[in-house]
Amino acid sequence: MVEAIKNKINNIEYREKKIFWTLFSIFLFLLVSYGIEINNTIMNAVSKQNMEKEMISLNSDINSMEFDYINSKNKITLDYAR
């Protein structure tokens, strides 16, 4: 009878340990996943800022080229074309 009770107690302790380690493992997994997602979010924000700066630079270059094109277009006359 005493052995049966000891086995039941050991069995309960084993289940509790198993549940604890399972929950702890899930917690660690979620914590690591959260850290990775935060890192990805920060990297995307920095990438977005860099792309916005590049877009501003490219728009400036395009505006300059358009201005040069309009100036060149206005220089062409019938005499210059002949």
C-alpha atoms as a PDB file:
ATOM      1  CA  MET A   1       0.000   0.000   0.000  1.00  0.00           C
ATOM      2  CA  VAL A   2       2.812   2.423   0.908  1.00  0.00           C
ATOM      3  CA  GLU A   3       4.616   1.600  -2.325  1.00  0.00           C
ATOM      4  CA  ALA A   4       1.485   2.349  -4.348  1.00  0.00           C
ATOM      5  CA  ILE A   5       1.145   5.747  -2.709  1.00  0.00           C
ATOM      6  CA  LYS A   6       4.832   6.501  -3.311  1.00  0.00           C
ATOM      7  CA  ASN A   7       4.419   5.553  -6.983  1.00  0.00           C
ATOM      8  CA  LYS A   8       1.373   7.823  -7.281  1.00  0.00           C
ATOM      9  CA  ILE A   9       3.290  10.714  -5.680  1.00  0.00           C
ATOM     10  CA  ASN A  10       6.260  10.156  -7.980  1.00  0.00           C
ATOM     11  CA  ASN A  11       3.897   9.973 -10.944  1.00  0.00           C
ATOM     12  CA  ILE A  12       2.286  13.279  -9.949  1.00  0.00           C
ATOM     13  CA  GLU A  13       5.703  14.901  -9.541  1.00  0.00           C
ATOM     14  CA  TYR A  14       6.736  13.598 -12.955  1.00  0.00           C
ATOM     15  CA  ARG A  15       3.614  15.098 -14.575  1.00  0.00           C
ATOM     16  CA  GLU A  16       4.166  18.429 -12.834  1.00  0.00           C
ATOM     17  CA  LYS A  17       7.783  18.515 -13.972  1.00  0.00           C
ATOM     18  CA  LYS A  18       6.762  17.616 -17.486  1.00  0.00           C
ATOM     19  CA  ILE A  19       4.065  20.312 -17.538  1.00  0.00           C
ATOM     20  CA  PHE A  20       6.486  22.868 -16.071  1.00  0.00           C
ATOM     21  CA  TRP A  21       9.213  22.173 -18.639  1.00  0.00           C
ATOM     22  CA  THR A  22       6.695  22.134 -21.469  1.00  0.00           C
ATOM     23  CA  LEU A  23       5.285  25.512 -20.438  1.00  0.00           C
ATOM     24  CA  PHE A  24       8.779  26.876 -19.847  1.00  0.00           C
ATOM     25  CA  SER A  25       9.864  25.726 -23.319  1.00  0.00           C
ATOM     26  CA  ILE A  26       6.813  27.350 -24.896  1.00  0.00           C
ATOM     27  CA  PHE A  27       7.555  30.562 -22.993  1.00  0.00           C
ATOM     28  CA  LEU A  28      11.166  30.597 -24.211  1.00  0.00           C
ATOM     29  CA  PHE A  29      10.058  29.918 -27.778  1.00  0.00           C
ATOM     30  CA  LEU A  30       7.574  32.795 -27.660  1.00  0.00           C
ATOM     31  CA  LEU A  31      10.163  35.089 -26.075  1.00  0.00           C
ATOM     32  CA  VAL A  32      12.723  34.329 -28.793  1.00  0.00           C
ATOM     33  CA  SER A  33      10.064  34.718 -31.498  1.00  0.00           C
ATOM     34  CA  TYR A  34       9.078  38.088 -30.055  1.00  0.00           C
ATOM     35  CA  GLY A  35      12.711  39.239 -30.062  1.00  0.00           C
ATOM     36  CA  ILE A  36      13.150  38.168 -33.676  1.00  0.00           C
ATOM     37  CA  GLU A  37       9.973  39.975 -34.739  1.00  0.00           C
ATOM     38  CA  ILE A  38      11.024  43.170 -32.933  1.00  0.00           C
ATOM     39  CA  ASN A  39      14.406  42.968 -34.674  1.00  0.00           C
ATOM     40  CA  ASN A  40      12.708  42.502 -38.064  1.00  0.00           C
ATOM     41  CA  THR A  41      10.422  45.468 -37.382  1.00  0.00           C
ATOM     42  CA  ILE A  42      13.374  47.715 -36.543  1.00  0.00           C
ATOM     43  CA  MET A  43      15.304  46.560 -39.616  1.00  0.00           C
ATOM     44  CA  ASN A  44      12.269  47.251 -41.833  1.00  0.00           C
ATOM     45  CA  ALA A  45      11.880  50.749 -40.372  1.00  0.00           C
ATOM     46  CA  VAL A  46      15.548  51.561 -41.021  1.00  0.00           C
ATOM     47  CA  SER A  47      15.291  50.121 -44.527  1.00  0.00           C
ATOM     48  CA  LYS A  48      12.199  52.244 -45.188  1.00  0.00           C
ATOM     49  CA  GLN A  49      14.011  55.407 -44.092  1.00  0.00           C
ATOM     50  CA  ASN A  50      16.957  54.606 -46.359  1.00  0.00           C
ATOM     51  CA  MET A  51      14.641  53.983 -49.292  1.00  0.00           C
ATOM     52  CA  GLU A  52      12.837  57.284 -48.665  1.00  0.00           C
ATOM     53  CA  LYS A  53      16.169  59.133 -48.713  1.00  0.00           C
ATOM     54  CA  GLU A  54      17.107  57.391 -51.951  1.00  0.00           C
ATOM     55  CA  MET A  55      13.734  58.283 -53.475  1.00  0.00           C
ATOM     56  CA  ILE A  56      14.271  61.958 -52.612  1.00  0.00           C
ATOM     57  CA  SER A  57      17.710  61.852 -54.224  1.00  0.00           C
ATOM     58  CA  LEU A  58      16.367  60.151 -57.354  1.00  0.00           C
ATOM     59  CA  ASN A  59      13.475  62.614 -57.609  1.00  0.00           C
ATOM     60  CA  SER A  60      15.972  65.454 -57.434  1.00  0.00           C
ATOM     61  CA  ASP A  61      17.999  63.870 -60.254  1.00  0.00           C
ATOM     62  CA  ILE A  62      14.847  63.409 -62.346  1.00  0.00           C
ATOM     63  CA  ASN A  63      13.832  67.034 -61.838  1.00  0.00           C
ATOM     64  CA  SER A  64      17.296  68.162 -62.908  1.00  0.00           C
ATOM     65  CA  MET A  65      17.114  65.993 -66.035  1.00  0.00           C
ATOM     66  CA  GLU A  66      13.657  67.326 -66.876  1.00  0.00           C
ATOM     67  CA  PHE A  67      14.939  70.872 -66.566  1.00  0.00           C
ATOM     68  CA  ASP A  68      17.868  70.046 -68.887  1.00  0.00           C
ATOM     69  CA  TYR A  69      15.458  68.425 -71.346  1.00  0.00           C
ATOM     70  CA  ILE A  70      13.185  71.481 -71.412  1.00  0.00           C
ATOM     71  CA  ASN A  71      16.186  73.774 -71.928  1.00  0.00           C
ATOM     72  CA  SER A  72      17.481  71.574 -74.752  1.00  0.00           C
ATOM     73  CA  LYS A  73      14.025  71.394 -76.312  1.00  0.00           C
ATOM     74  CA  ASN A  74      13.683  75.185 -76.245  1.00  0.00           C
ATOM     75  CA  LYS A  75      17.087  75.611 -77.947  1.00  0.00           C
ATOM     76  CA  ILE A  76      15.960  73.659 -80.991  1.00  0.00           C
ATOM     77  CA  THR A  77      14.778  75.980 -83.710  1.00  0.00           C
ATOM     78  CA  LEU A  78      14.052  75.451 -87.349  1.00  0.00           C
ATOM     79  CA  ASP A  79      17.450  76.862 -88.292  1.00  0.00           C
ATOM     80  CA  TYR A  80      19.238  74.638 -85.771  1.00  0.00           C
ATOM     81  CA  ALA A  81      17.353  71.596 -87.090  1.00  0.00           C
ATOM     82  CA  ARG A  82      18.497  72.306 -90.675  1.00  0.00           C
END
